[in-house]
N, C-alpha and C. Protein backbone atom coordinates (compact mmCIF):
# COMPACT_ATOMS: atom_id res chain seq x y z
N MET A 1 -16.99 8.15 10.74
CA MET A 1 -15.60 7.92 10.41
C MET A 1 -15.38 8.33 8.95
N LYS A 2 -14.29 8.99 8.71
CA LYS A 2 -14.01 9.52 7.37
C LYS A 2 -13.74 8.41 6.34
N LEU A 3 -13.36 7.23 6.80
CA LEU A 3 -13.06 6.14 5.87
C LEU A 3 -14.26 5.84 4.98
N ASP A 4 -15.45 5.87 5.54
CA ASP A 4 -16.65 5.61 4.74
C ASP A 4 -16.77 6.60 3.58
N GLU A 5 -16.48 7.87 3.85
CA GLU A 5 -16.52 8.89 2.79
C GLU A 5 -15.48 8.60 1.71
N LEU A 6 -14.28 8.23 2.14
CA LEU A 6 -13.22 7.94 1.18
C LEU A 6 -13.56 6.71 0.33
N LEU A 7 -14.17 5.71 0.96
CA LEU A 7 -14.54 4.51 0.22
C LEU A 7 -15.61 4.79 -0.82
N GLU A 8 -16.43 5.80 -0.57
CA GLU A 8 -17.46 6.18 -1.54
C GLU A 8 -16.85 6.60 -2.88
N GLU A 9 -15.63 7.15 -2.84
CA GLU A 9 -14.96 7.57 -4.08
C GLU A 9 -14.73 6.39 -5.02
N PHE A 10 -14.70 5.18 -4.46
CA PHE A 10 -14.43 4.00 -5.27
C PHE A 10 -15.70 3.32 -5.77
N HIS A 11 -16.83 3.78 -5.28
CA HIS A 11 -18.10 3.16 -5.64
C HIS A 11 -18.31 3.25 -7.16
N GLU A 12 -18.59 2.13 -7.78
CA GLU A 12 -18.89 2.01 -9.21
C GLU A 12 -17.71 2.31 -10.13
N LEU A 13 -16.49 2.28 -9.60
CA LEU A 13 -15.32 2.45 -10.46
C LEU A 13 -14.86 1.08 -10.95
N THR A 14 -14.25 1.06 -12.12
CA THR A 14 -13.63 -0.17 -12.61
C THR A 14 -12.36 -0.39 -11.78
N PRO A 15 -11.82 -1.60 -11.78
CA PRO A 15 -10.56 -1.83 -11.06
C PRO A 15 -9.43 -0.90 -11.52
N GLU A 16 -9.38 -0.62 -12.81
CA GLU A 16 -8.34 0.28 -13.32
C GLU A 16 -8.52 1.68 -12.76
N GLU A 17 -9.77 2.15 -12.72
CA GLU A 17 -10.05 3.49 -12.18
C GLU A 17 -9.77 3.52 -10.68
N SER A 18 -10.10 2.45 -9.98
CA SER A 18 -9.82 2.37 -8.54
C SER A 18 -8.32 2.46 -8.27
N LEU A 19 -7.55 1.78 -9.10
CA LEU A 19 -6.10 1.83 -8.95
C LEU A 19 -5.58 3.24 -9.19
N GLU A 20 -6.14 3.93 -10.17
CA GLU A 20 -5.74 5.32 -10.44
C GLU A 20 -6.05 6.22 -9.25
N VAL A 21 -7.24 6.05 -8.66
CA VAL A 21 -7.62 6.86 -7.50
C VAL A 21 -6.68 6.57 -6.34
N LEU A 22 -6.36 5.30 -6.14
CA LEU A 22 -5.45 4.92 -5.06
C LEU A 22 -4.08 5.56 -5.26
N ILE A 23 -3.59 5.55 -6.49
CA ILE A 23 -2.30 6.18 -6.80
C ILE A 23 -2.36 7.68 -6.56
N GLU A 24 -3.48 8.31 -6.92
CA GLU A 24 -3.65 9.74 -6.64
C GLU A 24 -3.60 10.01 -5.14
N MET A 25 -4.18 9.10 -4.35
CA MET A 25 -4.18 9.26 -2.90
C MET A 25 -2.78 9.15 -2.31
N SER A 26 -1.86 8.56 -3.05
CA SER A 26 -0.49 8.43 -2.53
C SER A 26 0.13 9.79 -2.25
N HIS A 27 -0.34 10.81 -2.96
CA HIS A 27 0.19 12.17 -2.76
C HIS A 27 -0.35 12.81 -1.48
N ASP A 28 -1.40 12.21 -0.91
CA ASP A 28 -2.06 12.79 0.26
C ASP A 28 -1.55 12.25 1.59
N LEU A 29 -0.61 11.30 1.56
CA LEU A 29 -0.10 10.77 2.82
C LEU A 29 0.66 11.88 3.55
N PRO A 30 0.20 12.23 4.75
CA PRO A 30 0.86 13.32 5.48
C PRO A 30 2.30 12.98 5.84
N GLU A 31 3.09 14.02 5.92
CA GLU A 31 4.46 13.86 6.41
C GLU A 31 4.40 13.41 7.86
N LEU A 32 5.43 12.72 8.31
CA LEU A 32 5.50 12.32 9.71
C LEU A 32 5.65 13.56 10.59
N SER A 33 5.12 13.46 11.80
CA SER A 33 5.30 14.53 12.77
C SER A 33 6.79 14.64 13.08
N PRO A 34 7.23 15.81 13.55
CA PRO A 34 8.66 15.97 13.86
C PRO A 34 9.19 14.91 14.83
N GLN A 35 8.39 14.51 15.81
CA GLN A 35 8.86 13.51 16.77
C GLN A 35 9.03 12.14 16.13
N ARG A 36 8.28 11.86 15.06
CA ARG A 36 8.37 10.56 14.41
C ARG A 36 9.35 10.56 13.24
N ALA A 37 9.66 11.71 12.71
CA ALA A 37 10.54 11.79 11.54
C ALA A 37 11.89 11.14 11.81
N GLY A 38 12.39 11.26 13.03
CA GLY A 38 13.67 10.66 13.39
C GLY A 38 13.61 9.14 13.46
N GLU A 39 12.42 8.59 13.55
CA GLU A 39 12.22 7.14 13.61
C GLU A 39 11.70 6.60 12.29
N ARG A 40 11.81 7.38 11.25
CA ARG A 40 11.16 7.10 9.97
C ARG A 40 11.33 5.67 9.48
N GLU A 41 12.48 5.10 9.65
CA GLU A 41 12.70 3.73 9.18
C GLU A 41 13.15 2.83 10.32
N ASP A 42 12.57 3.05 11.48
CA ASP A 42 12.86 2.24 12.67
C ASP A 42 12.14 0.90 12.53
N SER A 43 12.89 -0.18 12.61
CA SER A 43 12.33 -1.51 12.37
C SER A 43 11.22 -1.89 13.36
N ARG A 44 11.16 -1.24 14.51
CA ARG A 44 10.08 -1.52 15.47
C ARG A 44 8.72 -1.14 14.90
N HIS A 45 8.71 -0.28 13.91
CA HIS A 45 7.44 0.20 13.34
C HIS A 45 7.17 -0.37 11.96
N LEU A 46 8.03 -1.27 11.52
CA LEU A 46 7.89 -1.90 10.21
C LEU A 46 6.73 -2.90 10.23
N VAL A 47 5.86 -2.82 9.23
CA VAL A 47 4.78 -3.79 9.09
C VAL A 47 5.36 -4.95 8.29
N ARG A 48 5.65 -6.02 8.96
CA ARG A 48 6.38 -7.14 8.36
C ARG A 48 5.60 -7.87 7.28
N GLU A 49 4.28 -7.81 7.31
CA GLU A 49 3.48 -8.50 6.30
C GLU A 49 3.59 -7.83 4.92
N CYS A 50 4.02 -6.58 4.90
CA CYS A 50 4.11 -5.84 3.63
C CYS A 50 5.47 -6.08 2.98
N GLN A 51 5.44 -6.39 1.69
CA GLN A 51 6.68 -6.57 0.95
C GLN A 51 7.39 -5.23 0.78
N THR A 52 6.62 -4.19 0.49
CA THR A 52 7.15 -2.83 0.44
C THR A 52 7.29 -2.34 1.88
N PRO A 53 8.41 -1.74 2.26
CA PRO A 53 8.54 -1.27 3.63
C PRO A 53 7.48 -0.21 3.98
N VAL A 54 6.68 -0.53 4.98
CA VAL A 54 5.67 0.38 5.53
C VAL A 54 5.97 0.51 7.01
N TYR A 55 6.11 1.75 7.46
CA TYR A 55 6.37 2.03 8.87
C TYR A 55 5.12 2.70 9.43
N LEU A 56 4.62 2.17 10.54
CA LEU A 56 3.32 2.57 11.06
C LEU A 56 3.38 2.88 12.55
N TRP A 57 2.70 3.96 12.93
CA TRP A 57 2.53 4.32 14.33
C TRP A 57 1.03 4.43 14.59
N VAL A 58 0.57 3.73 15.61
CA VAL A 58 -0.84 3.76 16.01
C VAL A 58 -0.88 4.35 17.41
N ASP A 59 -1.63 5.43 17.56
CA ASP A 59 -1.79 6.07 18.86
C ASP A 59 -3.27 6.07 19.22
N ALA A 60 -3.59 5.51 20.38
CA ALA A 60 -4.96 5.51 20.87
C ALA A 60 -4.98 6.26 22.19
N ALA A 61 -5.75 7.33 22.21
CA ALA A 61 -5.86 8.13 23.43
C ALA A 61 -7.24 8.76 23.47
N ASP A 62 -7.79 8.83 24.66
CA ASP A 62 -9.11 9.43 24.86
C ASP A 62 -10.17 8.83 23.94
N GLY A 63 -10.06 7.52 23.71
CA GLY A 63 -11.06 6.82 22.91
C GLY A 63 -10.92 7.01 21.41
N ARG A 64 -9.90 7.70 20.96
CA ARG A 64 -9.68 7.96 19.53
C ARG A 64 -8.37 7.35 19.07
N VAL A 65 -8.34 6.98 17.79
CA VAL A 65 -7.16 6.38 17.20
C VAL A 65 -6.58 7.34 16.16
N ASN A 66 -5.28 7.53 16.21
CA ASN A 66 -4.59 8.34 15.21
C ASN A 66 -3.44 7.53 14.65
N LEU A 67 -3.22 7.70 13.36
CA LEU A 67 -2.19 6.95 12.65
C LEU A 67 -1.19 7.89 12.02
N GLU A 68 0.03 7.42 11.98
CA GLU A 68 1.08 8.05 11.17
C GLU A 68 1.79 6.92 10.45
N ALA A 69 2.26 7.20 9.26
CA ALA A 69 2.94 6.16 8.49
C ALA A 69 3.94 6.78 7.54
N TYR A 70 4.91 5.96 7.21
CA TYR A 70 5.89 6.34 6.19
C TYR A 70 5.98 5.22 5.16
N VAL A 71 5.85 5.59 3.91
CA VAL A 71 6.04 4.69 2.77
C VAL A 71 6.76 5.50 1.70
N THR A 72 7.76 4.93 1.10
CA THR A 72 8.49 5.63 0.06
C THR A 72 7.58 6.02 -1.10
N GLU A 73 7.89 7.12 -1.73
CA GLU A 73 7.10 7.58 -2.88
C GLU A 73 7.30 6.67 -4.09
N ARG A 74 8.28 5.79 -4.05
CA ARG A 74 8.53 4.87 -5.17
C ARG A 74 7.52 3.73 -5.21
N SER A 75 6.63 3.67 -4.23
CA SER A 75 5.61 2.62 -4.17
C SER A 75 4.22 3.26 -4.08
N PRO A 76 3.76 3.85 -5.19
CA PRO A 76 2.53 4.64 -5.12
C PRO A 76 1.27 3.85 -4.78
N THR A 77 1.17 2.60 -5.18
CA THR A 77 -0.03 1.83 -4.86
C THR A 77 -0.10 1.57 -3.36
N VAL A 78 0.99 1.11 -2.79
CA VAL A 78 1.04 0.84 -1.35
C VAL A 78 0.87 2.15 -0.59
N ARG A 79 1.56 3.17 -1.02
CA ARG A 79 1.47 4.48 -0.36
C ARG A 79 0.03 5.01 -0.43
N GLY A 80 -0.65 4.79 -1.55
CA GLY A 80 -2.04 5.22 -1.67
C GLY A 80 -2.95 4.49 -0.71
N TYR A 81 -2.77 3.18 -0.57
CA TYR A 81 -3.58 2.40 0.36
C TYR A 81 -3.32 2.86 1.79
N VAL A 82 -2.06 3.09 2.13
CA VAL A 82 -1.72 3.57 3.47
C VAL A 82 -2.32 4.95 3.69
N SER A 83 -2.27 5.80 2.69
CA SER A 83 -2.86 7.13 2.79
C SER A 83 -4.36 7.04 3.02
N LEU A 84 -5.02 6.12 2.33
CA LEU A 84 -6.46 5.88 2.52
C LEU A 84 -6.74 5.51 3.97
N LEU A 85 -5.94 4.62 4.54
CA LEU A 85 -6.14 4.19 5.92
C LEU A 85 -5.84 5.31 6.91
N VAL A 86 -4.72 5.99 6.72
CA VAL A 86 -4.35 7.07 7.64
C VAL A 86 -5.41 8.18 7.61
N GLY A 87 -5.78 8.60 6.42
CA GLY A 87 -6.78 9.66 6.30
C GLY A 87 -8.17 9.24 6.74
N GLY A 88 -8.48 7.98 6.51
CA GLY A 88 -9.82 7.51 6.82
C GLY A 88 -10.03 7.06 8.24
N ILE A 89 -8.98 6.61 8.90
CA ILE A 89 -9.11 6.06 10.24
C ILE A 89 -8.73 7.06 11.32
N SER A 90 -7.76 7.93 11.06
CA SER A 90 -7.33 8.87 12.09
C SER A 90 -8.52 9.67 12.60
N GLY A 91 -8.65 9.67 13.92
CA GLY A 91 -9.75 10.37 14.56
C GLY A 91 -10.95 9.48 14.86
N ALA A 92 -10.93 8.26 14.35
CA ALA A 92 -12.03 7.32 14.59
C ALA A 92 -11.98 6.84 16.04
N THR A 93 -13.12 6.38 16.51
CA THR A 93 -13.14 5.81 17.87
C THR A 93 -12.49 4.44 17.83
N GLN A 94 -12.07 3.98 18.99
CA GLN A 94 -11.48 2.65 19.08
C GLN A 94 -12.51 1.59 18.70
N HIS A 95 -13.76 1.82 19.02
CA HIS A 95 -14.84 0.90 18.65
C HIS A 95 -14.98 0.83 17.12
N GLU A 96 -14.92 1.97 16.45
CA GLU A 96 -15.02 1.98 14.99
C GLU A 96 -13.86 1.22 14.36
N VAL A 97 -12.66 1.40 14.89
CA VAL A 97 -11.49 0.70 14.36
C VAL A 97 -11.63 -0.80 14.56
N ALA A 98 -12.09 -1.20 15.73
CA ALA A 98 -12.25 -2.63 16.02
C ALA A 98 -13.24 -3.28 15.06
N ASN A 99 -14.21 -2.51 14.59
CA ASN A 99 -15.25 -3.05 13.73
C ASN A 99 -15.03 -2.80 12.24
N LEU A 100 -13.83 -2.37 11.87
CA LEU A 100 -13.52 -2.19 10.45
C LEU A 100 -13.64 -3.52 9.72
N PRO A 101 -14.24 -3.51 8.53
CA PRO A 101 -14.33 -4.76 7.78
C PRO A 101 -12.96 -5.19 7.27
N ASP A 102 -12.73 -6.48 7.26
CA ASP A 102 -11.46 -7.00 6.78
C ASP A 102 -11.36 -6.99 5.26
N ASP A 103 -12.46 -6.72 4.57
CA ASP A 103 -12.47 -6.78 3.10
C ASP A 103 -12.39 -5.39 2.44
N LEU A 104 -11.56 -4.51 2.97
CA LEU A 104 -11.46 -3.17 2.38
C LEU A 104 -11.03 -3.21 0.93
N LEU A 105 -10.16 -4.13 0.57
CA LEU A 105 -9.74 -4.21 -0.84
C LEU A 105 -10.93 -4.54 -1.73
N GLY A 106 -11.83 -5.36 -1.27
CA GLY A 106 -13.03 -5.66 -2.02
C GLY A 106 -13.92 -4.45 -2.15
N ARG A 107 -13.98 -3.65 -1.09
CA ARG A 107 -14.83 -2.46 -1.11
C ARG A 107 -14.29 -1.39 -2.04
N ILE A 108 -13.00 -1.43 -2.34
CA ILE A 108 -12.46 -0.46 -3.30
C ILE A 108 -12.25 -1.09 -4.67
N GLY A 109 -12.70 -2.33 -4.81
CA GLY A 109 -12.68 -2.98 -6.12
C GLY A 109 -11.34 -3.53 -6.56
N LEU A 110 -10.45 -3.79 -5.61
CA LEU A 110 -9.10 -4.24 -5.99
C LEU A 110 -8.74 -5.62 -5.47
N ALA A 111 -9.68 -6.32 -4.86
CA ALA A 111 -9.37 -7.63 -4.28
C ALA A 111 -8.87 -8.61 -5.34
N GLU A 112 -9.43 -8.55 -6.52
CA GLU A 112 -9.03 -9.49 -7.58
C GLU A 112 -7.89 -8.95 -8.44
N THR A 113 -7.67 -7.65 -8.41
CA THR A 113 -6.67 -7.02 -9.28
C THR A 113 -5.26 -7.16 -8.73
N LEU A 114 -5.13 -7.04 -7.42
CA LEU A 114 -3.81 -7.07 -6.80
C LEU A 114 -3.35 -8.51 -6.57
N GLY A 115 -2.08 -8.72 -6.60
CA GLY A 115 -1.52 -10.05 -6.39
C GLY A 115 -1.65 -10.50 -4.94
N MET A 116 -1.44 -11.77 -4.71
CA MET A 116 -1.59 -12.37 -3.39
C MET A 116 -0.66 -11.71 -2.37
N THR A 117 0.56 -11.43 -2.74
CA THR A 117 1.52 -10.83 -1.81
C THR A 117 1.04 -9.46 -1.36
N ARG A 118 0.57 -8.66 -2.28
CA ARG A 118 0.11 -7.31 -1.94
C ARG A 118 -1.17 -7.39 -1.10
N ARG A 119 -2.07 -8.29 -1.45
CA ARG A 119 -3.31 -8.46 -0.66
C ARG A 119 -2.97 -8.87 0.77
N ARG A 120 -2.03 -9.79 0.91
CA ARG A 120 -1.62 -10.24 2.24
C ARG A 120 -1.02 -9.07 3.04
N GLY A 121 -0.22 -8.27 2.38
CA GLY A 121 0.37 -7.11 3.05
C GLY A 121 -0.67 -6.10 3.48
N PHE A 122 -1.63 -5.81 2.61
CA PHE A 122 -2.68 -4.85 2.94
C PHE A 122 -3.55 -5.36 4.08
N THR A 123 -3.85 -6.66 4.07
CA THR A 123 -4.63 -7.26 5.14
C THR A 123 -3.85 -7.21 6.45
N GLY A 124 -2.56 -7.51 6.39
CA GLY A 124 -1.71 -7.45 7.57
C GLY A 124 -1.62 -6.05 8.15
N LEU A 125 -1.58 -5.06 7.29
CA LEU A 125 -1.54 -3.67 7.73
C LEU A 125 -2.81 -3.31 8.50
N LEU A 126 -3.95 -3.65 7.95
CA LEU A 126 -5.23 -3.37 8.61
C LEU A 126 -5.32 -4.12 9.94
N GLN A 127 -4.90 -5.38 9.95
CA GLN A 127 -4.94 -6.17 11.19
C GLN A 127 -4.03 -5.57 12.26
N ARG A 128 -2.89 -5.06 11.84
CA ARG A 128 -1.97 -4.44 12.82
C ARG A 128 -2.59 -3.19 13.42
N ILE A 129 -3.25 -2.39 12.61
CA ILE A 129 -3.92 -1.19 13.13
C ILE A 129 -4.96 -1.60 14.18
N LYS A 130 -5.77 -2.59 13.84
CA LYS A 130 -6.81 -3.03 14.76
C LYS A 130 -6.21 -3.61 16.04
N ARG A 131 -5.16 -4.41 15.90
CA ARG A 131 -4.52 -5.06 17.04
C ARG A 131 -3.87 -4.03 17.97
N GLU A 132 -3.13 -3.07 17.40
CA GLU A 132 -2.46 -2.08 18.23
C GLU A 132 -3.45 -1.14 18.90
N ALA A 133 -4.50 -0.76 18.19
CA ALA A 133 -5.52 0.10 18.79
C ALA A 133 -6.19 -0.61 19.97
N ALA A 134 -6.49 -1.90 19.79
CA ALA A 134 -7.13 -2.67 20.86
C ALA A 134 -6.19 -2.82 22.06
N ALA A 135 -4.92 -3.08 21.81
CA ALA A 135 -3.96 -3.24 22.90
C ALA A 135 -3.80 -1.94 23.68
N GLN A 136 -3.74 -0.82 22.98
CA GLN A 136 -3.60 0.46 23.66
C GLN A 136 -4.86 0.81 24.43
N ALA A 137 -6.04 0.46 23.90
CA ALA A 137 -7.30 0.71 24.60
C ALA A 137 -7.34 -0.11 25.89
N ALA A 138 -6.91 -1.37 25.81
CA ALA A 138 -6.89 -2.22 27.00
C ALA A 138 -5.91 -1.69 28.05
N GLU A 139 -4.76 -1.24 27.59
CA GLU A 139 -3.77 -0.69 28.51
C GLU A 139 -4.28 0.58 29.18
N GLN A 140 -4.94 1.42 28.40
CA GLN A 140 -5.50 2.66 28.94
C GLN A 140 -6.61 2.34 29.96
N ALA A 141 -7.45 1.36 29.65
CA ALA A 141 -8.51 0.97 30.58
C ALA A 141 -7.93 0.43 31.88
N ALA A 142 -6.86 -0.34 31.78
CA ALA A 142 -6.22 -0.89 32.98
C ALA A 142 -5.61 0.23 33.83
N ASN A 143 -5.04 1.22 33.19
CA ASN A 143 -4.44 2.34 33.92
C ASN A 143 -5.50 3.23 34.57
N ASP A 144 -6.67 3.30 33.95
CA ASP A 144 -7.75 4.14 34.47
C ASP A 144 -8.46 3.50 35.67
N SER A 145 -8.31 2.18 35.81
CA SER A 145 -9.03 1.53 36.92
C SER A 145 -8.18 1.36 38.16
């Protein structure tokens, strides 16, 4: 899974350096696909745990998970974290997503730097990815049997 490679970039960085890297990653968040662009701010895709509006699409098919997300460029820290997740998780197996550690902020050195509200939002975002991927995998398994 590419997430492990991306997390390596944060290894041995200070919290300030980690935040800079995360902000740089905000520029790497892919544009939404044409089919999703029209739903860019559809409340059905809003991650409610995030104070900054984050819109997320989780697609699980053929045992793989793909993500799309929209976050305004005015929120570079949140956008960077979302970019890290989208770039790192897309293409992963459903098993890999289910086993993602809940302490990703700790692994990038920002668990203590970010405020409680932002930590809660980031945790909620990761939990939603895991939950939706699992639900879609279960639905696909039921349809296949």
